[in-house]
Amino acid sequence: MSVFVIDDDKIMAGCIARAVGEDVLIFSNAIEAMNKIGEGVVPELIFLDVLLDGPDGFTFLNELASYTDTARIPVVLVSSLDFSGQDLSSYGVVGMLDKSKMKPEDIKRYVKEYAG
């Protein structure tokens, strides 16, 4: 199992990584994550912050969607922004977590379903 956490908030990224458990790679920006994928490390699941330094989360989602080998990677958006009512499934988004309300159990549920 391999899970990517992409968040420029180191504390938030660490909290998500601890909830995921083993085999987690943390990236502070989308470019680092895409470079790692370019090296052949393709995750089973990605937890993605939307508001990142540099290319934002949606730019990253567009990049993932443009390649057949990465378009199928499930992505969970992690943000304080409200995206309810928006269908983002065409970008591989399988869920959304509100940074102010999420719990470790919420993260573990996605890991179990998509990377377990």
PDB file of N, CA and C in Angstrom:
ATOM      1  N   MET A   1       0.849  -1.192   0.000  1.00  0.00           N
ATOM      2  CA  MET A   1       0.000   0.000   0.000  1.00  0.00           C
ATOM      3  C   MET A   1       0.882   1.238   0.000  1.00  0.00           C
ATOM      4  N   SER A   2       0.498   2.202  -0.791  1.00  0.00           N
ATOM      5  CA  SER A   2       1.201   3.474  -0.837  1.00  0.00           C
ATOM      6  C   SER A   2       0.170   4.599  -0.866  1.00  0.00           C
ATOM      7  N   VAL A   3       0.332   5.541   0.033  1.00  0.00           N
ATOM      8  CA  VAL A   3      -0.593   6.671   0.122  1.00  0.00           C
ATOM      9  C   VAL A   3       0.222   7.958   0.075  1.00  0.00           C
ATOM     10  N   PHE A   4      -0.234   8.915  -0.730  1.00  0.00           N
ATOM     11  CA  PHE A   4       0.368  10.240  -0.777  1.00  0.00           C
ATOM     12  C   PHE A   4      -0.489  11.197   0.036  1.00  0.00           C
ATOM     13  N   VAL A   5       0.160  12.052   0.803  1.00  0.00           N
ATOM     14  CA  VAL A   5      -0.485  13.171   1.475  1.00  0.00           C
ATOM     15  C   VAL A   5       0.166  14.431   0.910  1.00  0.00           C
ATOM     16  N   ILE A   6      -0.642  15.269   0.278  1.00  0.00           N
ATOM     17  CA  ILE A   6      -0.133  16.497  -0.327  1.00  0.00           C
ATOM     18  C   ILE A   6      -0.783  17.668   0.388  1.00  0.00           C
ATOM     19  N   ASP A   7      -0.009  18.330   1.232  1.00  0.00           N
ATOM     20  CA  ASP A   7      -0.528  19.441   2.029  1.00  0.00           C
ATOM     21  C   ASP A   7       0.645  20.318   2.441  1.00  0.00           C
ATOM     22  N   ASP A   8       0.531  21.615   2.238  1.00  0.00           N
ATOM     23  CA  ASP A   8       1.624  22.513   2.614  1.00  0.00           C
ATOM     24  C   ASP A   8       1.615  22.872   4.099  1.00  0.00           C
ATOM     25  N   ASP A   9       0.614  22.427   4.827  1.00  0.00           N
ATOM     26  CA  ASP A   9       0.562  22.593   6.277  1.00  0.00           C
ATOM     27  C   ASP A   9       1.179  21.337   6.895  1.00  0.00           C
ATOM     28  N   LYS A  10       2.395  21.463   7.415  1.00  0.00           N
ATOM     29  CA  LYS A  10       3.134  20.297   7.911  1.00  0.00           C
ATOM     30  C   LYS A  10       2.423  19.602   9.061  1.00  0.00           C
ATOM     31  N   ILE A  11       1.779  20.367   9.918  1.00  0.00           N
ATOM     32  CA  ILE A  11       1.066  19.765  11.045  1.00  0.00           C
ATOM     33  C   ILE A  11      -0.115  18.947  10.545  1.00  0.00           C
ATOM     34  N   MET A  12      -0.889  19.506   9.621  1.00  0.00           N
ATOM     35  CA  MET A  12      -2.036  18.786   9.064  1.00  0.00           C
ATOM     36  C   MET A  12      -1.567  17.534   8.318  1.00  0.00           C
ATOM     37  N   ALA A  13      -0.512  17.674   7.522  1.00  0.00           N
ATOM     38  CA  ALA A  13       0.013  16.528   6.778  1.00  0.00           C
ATOM     39  C   ALA A  13       0.452  15.421   7.731  1.00  0.00           C
ATOM     40  N   GLY A  14       1.093  15.803   8.822  1.00  0.00           N
ATOM     41  CA  GLY A  14       1.527  14.826   9.813  1.00  0.00           C
ATOM     42  C   GLY A  14       0.367  14.121  10.483  1.00  0.00           C
ATOM     43  N   CYS A  15      -0.688  14.853  10.777  1.00  0.00           N
ATOM     44  CA  CYS A  15      -1.883  14.254  11.394  1.00  0.00           C
ATOM     45  C   CYS A  15      -2.530  13.233  10.452  1.00  0.00           C
ATOM     46  N   ILE A  16      -2.637  13.600   9.197  1.00  0.00           N
ATOM     47  CA  ILE A  16      -3.217  12.677   8.212  1.00  0.00           C
ATOM     48  C   ILE A  16      -2.326  11.440   8.083  1.00  0.00           C
ATOM     49  N   ALA A  17      -1.021  11.652   7.987  1.00  0.00           N
ATOM     50  CA  ALA A  17      -0.083  10.533   7.842  1.00  0.00           C
ATOM     51  C   ALA A  17      -0.158   9.585   9.031  1.00  0.00           C
ATOM     52  N   ARG A  18      -0.274  10.117  10.241  1.00  0.00           N
ATOM     53  CA  ARG A  18      -0.389   9.260  11.422  1.00  0.00           C
ATOM     54  C   ARG A  18      -1.655   8.426  11.380  1.00  0.00           C
ATOM     55  N   ALA A  19      -2.738   9.005  10.894  1.00  0.00           N
ATOM     56  CA  ALA A  19      -3.998   8.261  10.798  1.00  0.00           C
ATOM     57  C   ALA A  19      -3.925   7.177   9.721  1.00  0.00           C
ATOM     58  N   VAL A  20      -3.193   7.458   8.649  1.00  0.00           N
ATOM     59  CA  VAL A  20      -3.047   6.474   7.572  1.00  0.00           C
ATOM     60  C   VAL A  20      -2.241   5.277   8.062  1.00  0.00           C
ATOM     61  N   GLY A  21      -1.148   5.546   8.751  1.00  0.00           N
ATOM     62  CA  GLY A  21      -0.285   4.470   9.240  1.00  0.00           C
ATOM     63  C   GLY A  21       0.974   4.356   8.418  1.00  0.00           C
ATOM     64  N   GLU A  22       1.257   3.151   7.953  1.00  0.00           N
ATOM     65  CA  GLU A  22       2.512   2.879   7.247  1.00  0.00           C
ATOM     66  C   GLU A  22       2.430   3.230   5.767  1.00  0.00           C
ATOM     67  N   ASP A  23       3.598   3.313   5.164  1.00  0.00           N
ATOM     68  CA  ASP A  23       3.760   3.523   3.724  1.00  0.00           C
ATOM     69  C   ASP A  23       3.078   4.802   3.223  1.00  0.00           C
ATOM     70  N   VAL A  24       3.402   5.898   3.892  1.00  0.00           N
ATOM     71  CA  VAL A  24       2.860   7.204   3.525  1.00  0.00           C
ATOM     72  C   VAL A  24       4.010   8.098   3.069  1.00  0.00           C
ATOM     73  N   LEU A  25       3.792   8.789   1.988  1.00  0.00           N
ATOM     74  CA  LEU A  25       4.745   9.801   1.533  1.00  0.00           C
ATOM     75  C   LEU A  25       4.053  11.151   1.630  1.00  0.00           C
ATOM     76  N   ILE A  26       4.737  12.119   2.256  1.00  0.00           N
ATOM     77  CA  ILE A  26       4.186  13.459   2.445  1.00  0.00           C
ATOM     78  C   ILE A  26       4.888  14.421   1.490  1.00  0.00           C
ATOM     79  N   PHE A  27       4.090  15.247   0.825  1.00  0.00           N
ATOM     80  CA  PHE A  27       4.608  16.258  -0.086  1.00  0.00           C
ATOM     81  C   PHE A  27       4.009  17.608   0.286  1.00  0.00           C
ATOM     82  N   SER A  28       4.816  18.644   0.232  1.00  0.00           N
ATOM     83  CA  SER A  28       4.321  19.980   0.575  1.00  0.00           C
ATOM     84  C   SER A  28       3.778  20.713  -0.638  1.00  0.00           C
ATOM     85  N   ASN A  29       3.962  20.131  -1.831  1.00  0.00           N
ATOM     86  CA  ASN A  29       3.399  20.761  -3.030  1.00  0.00           C
ATOM     87  C   ASN A  29       3.141  19.708  -4.108  1.00  0.00           C
ATOM     88  N   ALA A  30       2.368  20.098  -5.100  1.00  0.00           N
ATOM     89  CA  ALA A  30       1.955  19.179  -6.156  1.00  0.00           C
ATOM     90  C   ALA A  30       3.119  18.779  -7.064  1.00  0.00           C
ATOM     91  N   ILE A  31       4.070  19.662  -7.253  1.00  0.00           N
ATOM     92  CA  ILE A  31       5.194  19.364  -8.145  1.00  0.00           C
ATOM     93  C   ILE A  31       6.019  18.206  -7.597  1.00  0.00           C
ATOM     94  N   GLU A  32       6.284  18.218  -6.287  1.00  0.00           N
ATOM     95  CA  GLU A  32       7.040  17.117  -5.673  1.00  0.00           C
ATOM     96  C   GLU A  32       6.309  15.792  -5.868  1.00  0.00           C
ATOM     97  N   ALA A  33       4.997  15.805  -5.693  1.00  0.00           N
ATOM     98  CA  ALA A  33       4.208  14.581  -5.840  1.00  0.00           C
ATOM     99  C   ALA A  33       4.227  14.083  -7.288  1.00  0.00           C
ATOM    100  N   MET A  34       4.072  14.979  -8.254  1.00  0.00           N
ATOM    101  CA  MET A  34       4.099  14.572  -9.658  1.00  0.00           C
ATOM    102  C   MET A  34       5.482  14.048 -10.041  1.00  0.00           C
ATOM    103  N   ASN A  35       6.525  14.643  -9.506  1.00  0.00           N
ATOM    104  CA  ASN A  35       7.877  14.141  -9.777  1.00  0.00           C
ATOM    105  C   ASN A  35       8.044  12.715  -9.264  1.00  0.00           C
ATOM    106  N   LYS A  36       7.501  12.436  -8.086  1.00  0.00           N
ATOM    107  CA  LYS A  36       7.593  11.087  -7.508  1.00  0.00           C
ATOM    108  C   LYS A  36       6.817  10.095  -8.369  1.00  0.00           C
ATOM    109  N   ILE A  37       5.648  10.500  -8.843  1.00  0.00           N
ATOM    110  CA  ILE A  37       4.879   9.641  -9.741  1.00  0.00           C
ATOM    111  C   ILE A  37       5.665   9.411 -11.030  1.00  0.00           C
ATOM    112  N   GLY A  38       6.321  10.455 -11.513  1.00  0.00           N
ATOM    113  CA  GLY A  38       7.160  10.341 -12.704  1.00  0.00           C
ATOM    114  C   GLY A  38       8.311   9.361 -12.526  1.00  0.00           C
ATOM    115  N   GLU A  39       8.728   9.154 -11.277  1.00  0.00           N
ATOM    116  CA  GLU A  39       9.785   8.180 -10.967  1.00  0.00           C
ATOM    117  C   GLU A  39       9.234   6.755 -10.887  1.00  0.00           C
ATOM    118  N   GLY A  40       7.918   6.625 -11.075  1.00  0.00           N
ATOM    119  CA  GLY A  40       7.306   5.296 -11.053  1.00  0.00           C
ATOM    120  C   GLY A  40       6.635   4.916  -9.752  1.00  0.00           C
ATOM    121  N   VAL A  41       6.574   5.817  -8.788  1.00  0.00           N
ATOM    122  CA  VAL A  41       5.896   5.547  -7.520  1.00  0.00           C
ATOM    123  C   VAL A  41       4.464   6.055  -7.649  1.00  0.00           C
ATOM    124  N   VAL A  42       3.551   5.136  -7.934  1.00  0.00           N
ATOM    125  CA  VAL A  42       2.149   5.508  -8.139  1.00  0.00           C
ATOM    126  C   VAL A  42       1.355   5.075  -6.910  1.00  0.00           C
ATOM    127  N   PRO A  43       0.749   6.017  -6.211  1.00  0.00           N
ATOM    128  CA  PRO A  43       0.026   5.674  -4.980  1.00  0.00           C
ATOM    129  C   PRO A  43      -1.304   5.003  -5.252  1.00  0.00           C
ATOM    130  N   GLU A  44      -1.787   4.300  -4.242  1.00  0.00           N
ATOM    131  CA  GLU A  44      -3.117   3.693  -4.313  1.00  0.00           C
ATOM    132  C   GLU A  44      -4.190   4.705  -3.926  1.00  0.00           C
ATOM    133  N   LEU A  45      -3.799   5.752  -3.202  1.00  0.00           N
ATOM    134  CA  LEU A  45      -4.737   6.757  -2.700  1.00  0.00           C
ATOM    135  C   LEU A  45      -3.973   8.044  -2.445  1.00  0.00           C
ATOM    136  N   ILE A  46      -4.647   9.180  -2.680  1.00  0.00           N
ATOM    137  CA  ILE A  46      -4.045  10.490  -2.427  1.00  0.00           C
ATOM    138  C   ILE A  46      -4.987  11.319  -1.557  1.00  0.00           C
ATOM    139  N   PHE A  47      -4.447  11.887  -0.484  1.00  0.00           N
ATOM    140  CA  PHE A  47      -5.141  12.913   0.299  1.00  0.00           C
ATOM    141  C   PHE A  47      -4.560  14.246  -0.165  1.00  0.00           C
ATOM    142  N   LEU A  48      -5.414  15.113  -0.712  1.00  0.00           N
ATOM    143  CA  LEU A  48      -4.954  16.320  -1.395  1.00  0.00           C
ATOM    144  C   LEU A  48      -5.587  17.580  -0.824  1.00  0.00           C
ATOM    145  N   ASP A  49      -4.739  18.480  -0.351  1.00  0.00           N
ATOM    146  CA  ASP A  49      -5.183  19.820   0.024  1.00  0.00           C
ATOM    147  C   ASP A  49      -5.473  20.584  -1.263  1.00  0.00           C
ATOM    148  N   VAL A  50      -6.440  21.463  -1.237  1.00  0.00           N
ATOM    149  CA  VAL A  50      -6.810  22.215  -2.439  1.00  0.00           C
ATOM    150  C   VAL A  50      -5.960  23.475  -2.588  1.00  0.00           C
ATOM    151  N   LEU A  51      -5.781  24.202  -1.507  1.00  0.00           N
ATOM    152  CA  LEU A  51      -5.027  25.458  -1.555  1.00  0.00           C
ATOM    153  C   LEU A  51      -3.571  25.184  -1.208  1.00  0.00           C
ATOM    154  N   LEU A  52      -2.762  25.013  -2.243  1.00  0.00           N
ATOM    155  CA  LEU A  52      -1.349  24.713  -2.074  1.00  0.00           C
ATOM    156  C   LEU A  52      -0.496  25.870  -2.584  1.00  0.00           C
ATOM    157  N   ASP A  53       0.733  25.957  -2.087  1.00  0.00           N
ATOM    158  CA  ASP A  53       1.704  26.875  -2.684  1.00  0.00           C
ATOM    159  C   ASP A  53       2.073  26.327  -4.050  1.00  0.00           C
ATOM    160  N   GLY A  54       2.218  27.187  -5.025  1.00  0.00           N
ATOM    161  CA  GLY A  54       2.500  26.736  -6.386  1.00  0.00           C
ATOM    162  C   GLY A  54       1.209  26.264  -7.036  1.00  0.00           C
ATOM    163  N   PRO A  55       1.308  25.223  -7.886  1.00  0.00           N
ATOM    164  CA  PRO A  55       0.082  24.709  -8.505  1.00  0.00           C
ATOM    165  C   PRO A  55      -0.905  24.247  -7.429  1.00  0.00           C
ATOM    166  N   ASP A  56      -2.161  24.644  -7.569  1.00  0.00           N
ATOM    167  CA  ASP A  56      -3.150  24.265  -6.561  1.00  0.00           C
ATOM    168  C   ASP A  56      -3.639  22.831  -6.786  1.00  0.00           C
ATOM    169  N   GLY A  57      -4.513  22.385  -5.902  1.00  0.00           N
ATOM    170  CA  GLY A  57      -5.017  21.018  -5.969  1.00  0.00           C
ATOM    171  C   GLY A  57      -5.738  20.699  -7.262  1.00  0.00           C
ATOM    172  N   PHE A  58      -6.463  21.657  -7.812  1.00  0.00           N
ATOM    173  CA  PHE A  58      -7.191  21.393  -9.052  1.00  0.00           C
ATOM    174  C   PHE A  58      -6.254  21.291 -10.249  1.00  0.00           C
ATOM    175  N   THR A  59      -5.167  22.024 -10.234  1.00  0.00           N
ATOM    176  CA  THR A  59      -4.156  21.874 -11.280  1.00  0.00           C
ATOM    177  C   THR A  59      -3.561  20.469 -11.214  1.00  0.00           C
ATOM    178  N   PHE A  60      -3.305  20.007 -10.002  1.00  0.00           N
ATOM    179  CA  PHE A  60      -2.792  18.650  -9.800  1.00  0.00           C
ATOM    180  C   PHE A  60      -3.800  17.612 -10.294  1.00  0.00           C
ATOM    181  N   LEU A  61      -5.082  17.806  -9.968  1.00  0.00           N
ATOM    182  CA  LEU A  61      -6.118  16.873 -10.431  1.00  0.00           C
ATOM    183  C   LEU A  61      -6.184  16.827 -11.951  1.00  0.00           C
ATOM    184  N   ASN A  62      -6.077  17.981 -12.600  1.00  0.00           N
ATOM    185  CA  ASN A  62      -6.067  18.016 -14.068  1.00  0.00           C
ATOM    186  C   ASN A  62      -4.879  17.245 -14.626  1.00  0.00           C
ATOM    187  N   GLU A  63      -3.739  17.388 -13.987  1.00  0.00           N
ATOM    188  CA  GLU A  63      -2.542  16.671 -14.426  1.00  0.00           C
ATOM    189  C   GLU A  63      -2.732  15.161 -14.282  1.00  0.00           C
ATOM    190  N   LEU A  64      -3.251  14.737 -13.147  1.00  0.00           N
ATOM    191  CA  LEU A  64      -3.522  13.309 -12.943  1.00  0.00           C
ATOM    192  C   LEU A  64      -4.485  12.779 -13.998  1.00  0.00           C
ATOM    193  N   ALA A  65      -5.548  13.533 -14.266  1.00  0.00           N
ATOM    194  CA  ALA A  65      -6.583  13.091 -15.202  1.00  0.00           C
ATOM    195  C   ALA A  65      -6.076  12.999 -16.639  1.00  0.00           C
ATOM    196  N   SER A  66      -4.983  13.654 -16.936  1.00  0.00           N
ATOM    197  CA  SER A  66      -4.491  13.678 -18.313  1.00  0.00           C
ATOM    198  C   SER A  66      -3.663  12.445 -18.692  1.00  0.00           C
ATOM    199  N   TYR A  67      -3.388  11.561 -17.745  1.00  0.00           N
ATOM    200  CA  TYR A  67      -2.623  10.341 -18.024  1.00  0.00           C
ATOM    201  C   TYR A  67      -3.438   9.122 -17.612  1.00  0.00           C
ATOM    202  N   THR A  68      -3.484   8.108 -18.476  1.00  0.00           N
ATOM    203  CA  THR A  68      -4.309   6.938 -18.179  1.00  0.00           C
ATOM    204  C   THR A  68      -3.843   6.185 -16.933  1.00  0.00           C
ATOM    205  N   ASP A  69      -2.538   6.153 -16.684  1.00  0.00           N
ATOM    206  CA  ASP A  69      -2.049   5.410 -15.523  1.00  0.00           C
ATOM    207  C   ASP A  69      -2.300   6.121 -14.195  1.00  0.00           C
ATOM    208  N   THR A  70      -2.537   7.416 -14.228  1.00  0.00           N
ATOM    209  CA  THR A  70      -2.794   8.152 -12.981  1.00  0.00           C
ATOM    210  C   THR A  70      -4.252   8.601 -12.848  1.00  0.00           C
ATOM    211  N   ALA A  71      -5.006   8.550 -13.919  1.00  0.00           N
ATOM    212  CA  ALA A  71      -6.393   9.024 -13.879  1.00  0.00           C
ATOM    213  C   ALA A  71      -7.260   8.177 -12.956  1.00  0.00           C
ATOM    214  N   ARG A  72      -6.847   6.950 -12.696  1.00  0.00           N
ATOM    215  CA  ARG A  72      -7.652   6.048 -11.860  1.00  0.00           C
ATOM    216  C   ARG A  72      -7.303   6.118 -10.377  1.00  0.00           C
ATOM    217  N   ILE A  73      -6.327   6.931 -10.007  1.00  0.00           N
ATOM    218  CA  ILE A  73      -5.937   7.019  -8.594  1.00  0.00           C
ATOM    219  C   ILE A  73      -7.048   7.732  -7.818  1.00  0.00           C
ATOM    220  N   PRO A  74      -7.598   7.095  -6.786  1.00  0.00           N
ATOM    221  CA  PRO A  74      -8.613   7.767  -5.982  1.00  0.00           C
ATOM    222  C   PRO A  74      -8.003   8.914  -5.168  1.00  0.00           C
ATOM    223  N   VAL A  75      -8.728  10.029  -5.119  1.00  0.00           N
ATOM    224  CA  VAL A  75      -8.257  11.228  -4.429  1.00  0.00           C
ATOM    225  C   VAL A  75      -9.307  11.677  -3.423  1.00  0.00           C
ATOM    226  N   VAL A  76      -8.861  11.988  -2.219  1.00  0.00           N
ATOM    227  CA  VAL A  76      -9.722  12.570  -1.188  1.00  0.00           C
ATOM    228  C   VAL A  76      -9.260  14.006  -1.001  1.00  0.00           C
ATOM    229  N   LEU A  77     -10.156  14.948  -1.267  1.00  0.00           N
ATOM    230  CA  LEU A  77      -9.830  16.357  -1.050  1.00  0.00           C
ATOM    231  C   LEU A  77      -9.894  16.655   0.440  1.00  0.00           C
ATOM    232  N   VAL A  78      -8.914  17.387   0.926  1.00  0.00           N
ATOM    233  CA  VAL A  78      -8.850  17.794   2.323  1.00  0.00           C
ATOM    234  C   VAL A  78      -8.777  19.314   2.320  1.00  0.00           C
ATOM    235  N   SER A  79      -9.849  19.961   2.768  1.00  0.00           N
ATOM    236  CA  SER A  79      -9.902  21.420   2.661  1.00  0.00           C
ATOM    237  C   SER A  79     -10.880  21.992   3.665  1.00  0.00           C
ATOM    238  N   SER A  80     -10.723  23.262   3.927  1.00  0.00           N
ATOM    239  CA  SER A  80     -11.712  23.972   4.730  1.00  0.00           C
ATOM    240  C   SER A  80     -12.754  24.618   3.818  1.00  0.00           C
ATOM    241  N   LEU A  81     -12.543  24.520   2.506  1.00  0.00           N
ATOM    242  CA  LEU A  81     -13.517  25.035   1.541  1.00  0.00           C
ATOM    243  C   LEU A  81     -14.651  24.024   1.369  1.00  0.00           C
ATOM    244  N   ASP A  82     -15.816  24.500   1.018  1.00  0.00           N
ATOM    245  CA  ASP A  82     -16.988  23.637   0.865  1.00  0.00           C
ATOM    246  C   ASP A  82     -17.202  23.307  -0.609  1.00  0.00           C
ATOM    247  N   PHE A  83     -17.062  22.034  -0.933  1.00  0.00           N
ATOM    248  CA  PHE A  83     -17.280  21.574  -2.303  1.00  0.00           C
ATOM    249  C   PHE A  83     -18.511  20.688  -2.406  1.00  0.00           C
ATOM    250  N   SER A  84     -19.343  20.694  -1.381  1.00  0.00           N
ATOM    251  CA  SER A  84     -20.542  19.860  -1.420  1.00  0.00           C
ATOM    252  C   SER A  84     -21.430  20.302  -2.577  1.00  0.00           C
ATOM    253  N   GLY A  85     -22.062  19.334  -3.179  1.00  0.00           N
ATOM    254  CA  GLY A  85     -22.924  19.628  -4.314  1.00  0.00           C
ATOM    255  C   GLY A  85     -22.188  19.667  -5.638  1.00  0.00           C
ATOM    256  N   GLN A  86     -20.873  19.544  -5.612  1.00  0.00           N
ATOM    257  CA  GLN A  86     -20.093  19.536  -6.848  1.00  0.00           C
ATOM    258  C   GLN A  86     -19.648  18.108  -7.146  1.00  0.00           C
ATOM    259  N   ASP A  87     -19.846  17.678  -8.374  1.00  0.00           N
ATOM    260  CA  ASP A  87     -19.419  16.345  -8.781  1.00  0.00           C
ATOM    261  C   ASP A  87     -18.007  16.428  -9.333  1.00  0.00           C
ATOM    262  N   LEU A  88     -17.066  15.948  -8.556  1.00  0.00           N
ATOM    263  CA  LEU A  88     -15.668  15.969  -8.958  1.00  0.00           C
ATOM    264  C   LEU A  88     -15.151  14.564  -9.273  1.00  0.00           C
ATOM    265  N   SER A  89     -16.070  13.626  -9.457  1.00  0.00           N
ATOM    266  CA  SER A  89     -15.682  12.239  -9.695  1.00  0.00           C
ATOM    267  C   SER A  89     -14.901  12.061 -10.998  1.00  0.00           C
ATOM    268  N   SER A  90     -15.119  12.917 -11.973  1.00  0.00           N
ATOM    269  CA  SER A  90     -14.368  12.801 -13.225  1.00  0.00           C
ATOM    270  C   SER A  90     -12.881  13.081 -13.015  1.00  0.00           C
ATOM    271  N   TYR A  91     -12.533  13.685 -11.895  1.00  0.00           N
ATOM    272  CA  TYR A  91     -11.128  13.937 -11.541  1.00  0.00           C
ATOM    273  C   TYR A  91     -10.578  12.861 -10.607  1.00  0.00           C
ATOM    274  N   GLY A  92     -11.357  11.835 -10.348  1.00  0.00           N
ATOM    275  CA  GLY A  92     -10.909  10.785  -9.441  1.00  0.00           C
ATOM    276  C   GLY A  92     -11.200  11.065  -7.985  1.00  0.00           C
ATOM    277  N   VAL A  93     -11.932  12.144  -7.712  1.00  0.00           N
ATOM    278  CA  VAL A  93     -12.247  12.494  -6.327  1.00  0.00           C
ATOM    279  C   VAL A  93     -13.316  11.536  -5.788  1.00  0.00           C
ATOM    280  N   VAL A  94     -12.946  10.807  -4.748  1.00  0.00           N
ATOM    281  CA  VAL A  94     -13.851   9.827  -4.150  1.00  0.00           C
ATOM    282  C   VAL A  94     -14.443  10.314  -2.833  1.00  0.00           C
ATOM    283  N   GLY A  95     -13.947  11.437  -2.334  1.00  0.00           N
ATOM    284  CA  GLY A  95     -14.462  11.966  -1.085  1.00  0.00           C
ATOM    285  C   GLY A  95     -13.832  13.293  -0.735  1.00  0.00           C
ATOM    286  N   MET A  96     -14.428  13.926   0.267  1.00  0.00           N
ATOM    287  CA  MET A  96     -13.940  15.218   0.736  1.00  0.00           C
ATOM    288  C   MET A  96     -13.965  15.235   2.254  1.00  0.00           C
ATOM    289  N   LEU A  97     -12.916  15.768   2.829  1.00  0.00           N
ATOM    290  CA  LEU A  97     -12.832  15.913   4.273  1.00  0.00           C
ATOM    291  C   LEU A  97     -12.659  17.379   4.622  1.00  0.00           C
ATOM    292  N   ASP A  98     -13.462  17.841   5.561  1.00  0.00           N
ATOM    293  CA  ASP A  98     -13.375  19.209   6.059  1.00  0.00           C
ATOM    294  C   ASP A  98     -12.283  19.253   7.123  1.00  0.00           C
ATOM    295  N   LYS A  99     -11.268  20.062   6.907  1.00  0.00           N
ATOM    296  CA  LYS A  99     -10.142  20.131   7.838  1.00  0.00           C
ATOM    297  C   LYS A  99     -10.565  20.448   9.270  1.00  0.00           C
ATOM    298  N   SER A 100     -11.626  21.208   9.422  1.00  0.00           N
ATOM    299  CA  SER A 100     -12.025  21.615  10.767  1.00  0.00           C
ATOM    300  C   SER A 100     -12.858  20.552  11.484  1.00  0.00           C
ATOM    301  N   LYS A 101     -13.328  19.546  10.754  1.00  0.00           N
ATOM    302  CA  LYS A 101     -14.229  18.561  11.364  1.00  0.00           C
ATOM    303  C   LYS A 101     -13.752  17.118  11.243  1.00  0.00           C
ATOM    304  N   MET A 102     -12.755  16.858  10.422  1.00  0.00           N
ATOM    305  CA  MET A 102     -12.373  15.466  10.178  1.00  0.00           C
ATOM    306  C   MET A 102     -11.734  14.840  11.402  1.00  0.00           C
ATOM    307  N   LYS A 103     -11.877  13.508  11.458  1.00  0.00           N
ATOM    308  CA  LYS A 103     -11.340  12.722  12.561  1.00  0.00           C
ATOM    309  C   LYS A 103     -10.465  11.617  11.976  1.00  0.00           C
ATOM    310  N   PRO A 104      -9.567  11.066  12.763  1.00  0.00           N
ATOM    311  CA  PRO A 104      -8.735   9.972  12.256  1.00  0.00           C
ATOM    312  C   PRO A 104      -9.549   8.821  11.655  1.00  0.00           C
ATOM    313  N   GLU A 105     -10.713   8.547  12.219  1.00  0.00           N
ATOM    314  CA  GLU A 105     -11.560   7.470  11.700  1.00  0.00           C
ATOM    315  C   GLU A 105     -12.006   7.744  10.270  1.00  0.00           C
ATOM    316  N   ASP A 106     -12.226   9.019   9.954  1.00  0.00           N
ATOM    317  CA  ASP A 106     -12.629   9.388   8.591  1.00  0.00           C
ATOM    318  C   ASP A 106     -11.520   9.047   7.601  1.00  0.00           C
ATOM    319  N   ILE A 107     -10.301   9.353   7.977  1.00  0.00           N
ATOM    320  CA  ILE A 107      -9.142   9.069   7.123  1.00  0.00           C
ATOM    321  C   ILE A 107      -8.966   7.568   6.975  1.00  0.00           C
ATOM    322  N   LYS A 108      -9.041   6.846   8.076  1.00  0.00           N
ATOM    323  CA  LYS A 108      -8.864   5.390   8.063  1.00  0.00           C
ATOM    324  C   LYS A 108      -9.926   4.705   7.204  1.00  0.00           C
ATOM    325  N   ARG A 109     -11.129   5.237   7.190  1.00  0.00           N
ATOM    326  CA  ARG A 109     -12.202   4.661   6.375  1.00  0.00           C
ATOM    327  C   ARG A 109     -11.826   4.700   4.893  1.00  0.00           C
ATOM    328  N   TYR A 110     -11.288   5.829   4.441  1.00  0.00           N
ATOM    329  CA  TYR A 110     -10.869   5.930   3.033  1.00  0.00           C
ATOM    330  C   TYR A 110      -9.697   4.999   2.736  1.00  0.00           C
ATOM    331  N   VAL A 111      -8.760   4.917   3.662  1.00  0.00           N
ATOM    332  CA  VAL A 111      -7.615   4.026   3.470  1.00  0.00           C
ATOM    333  C   VAL A 111      -8.078   2.586   3.348  1.00  0.00           C
ATOM    334  N   LYS A 112      -8.964   2.188   4.222  1.00  0.00           N
ATOM    335  CA  LYS A 112      -9.474   0.808   4.196  1.00  0.00           C
ATOM    336  C   LYS A 112     -10.195   0.520   2.887  1.00  0.00           C
ATOM    337  N   GLU A 113     -10.990   1.471   2.418  1.00  0.00           N
ATOM    338  CA  GLU A 113     -11.786   1.245   1.215  1.00  0.00           C
ATOM    339  C   GLU A 113     -10.955   1.281  -0.062  1.00  0.00           C
ATOM    340  N   TYR A 114      -9.969   2.165  -0.144  1.00  0.00           N
ATOM    341  CA  TYR A 114      -9.265   2.376  -1.410  1.00  0.00           C
ATOM    342  C   TYR A 114      -7.816   1.887  -1.433  1.00  0.00           C
ATOM    343  N   ALA A 115      -7.210   1.710  -0.280  1.00  0.00           N
ATOM    344  CA  ALA A 115      -5.809   1.312  -0.266  1.00  0.00           C
ATOM    345  C   ALA A 115      -5.570   0.145   0.684  1.00  0.00           C
ATOM    346  N   GLY A 116      -6.631  -0.475   1.115  1.00  0.00           N
ATOM    347  CA  GLY A 116      -6.501  -1.561   2.086  1.00  0.00           C
ATOM    348  C   GLY A 116      -6.326  -2.839   1.408  1.00  0.00           C
TER     349      GLY A 116
END
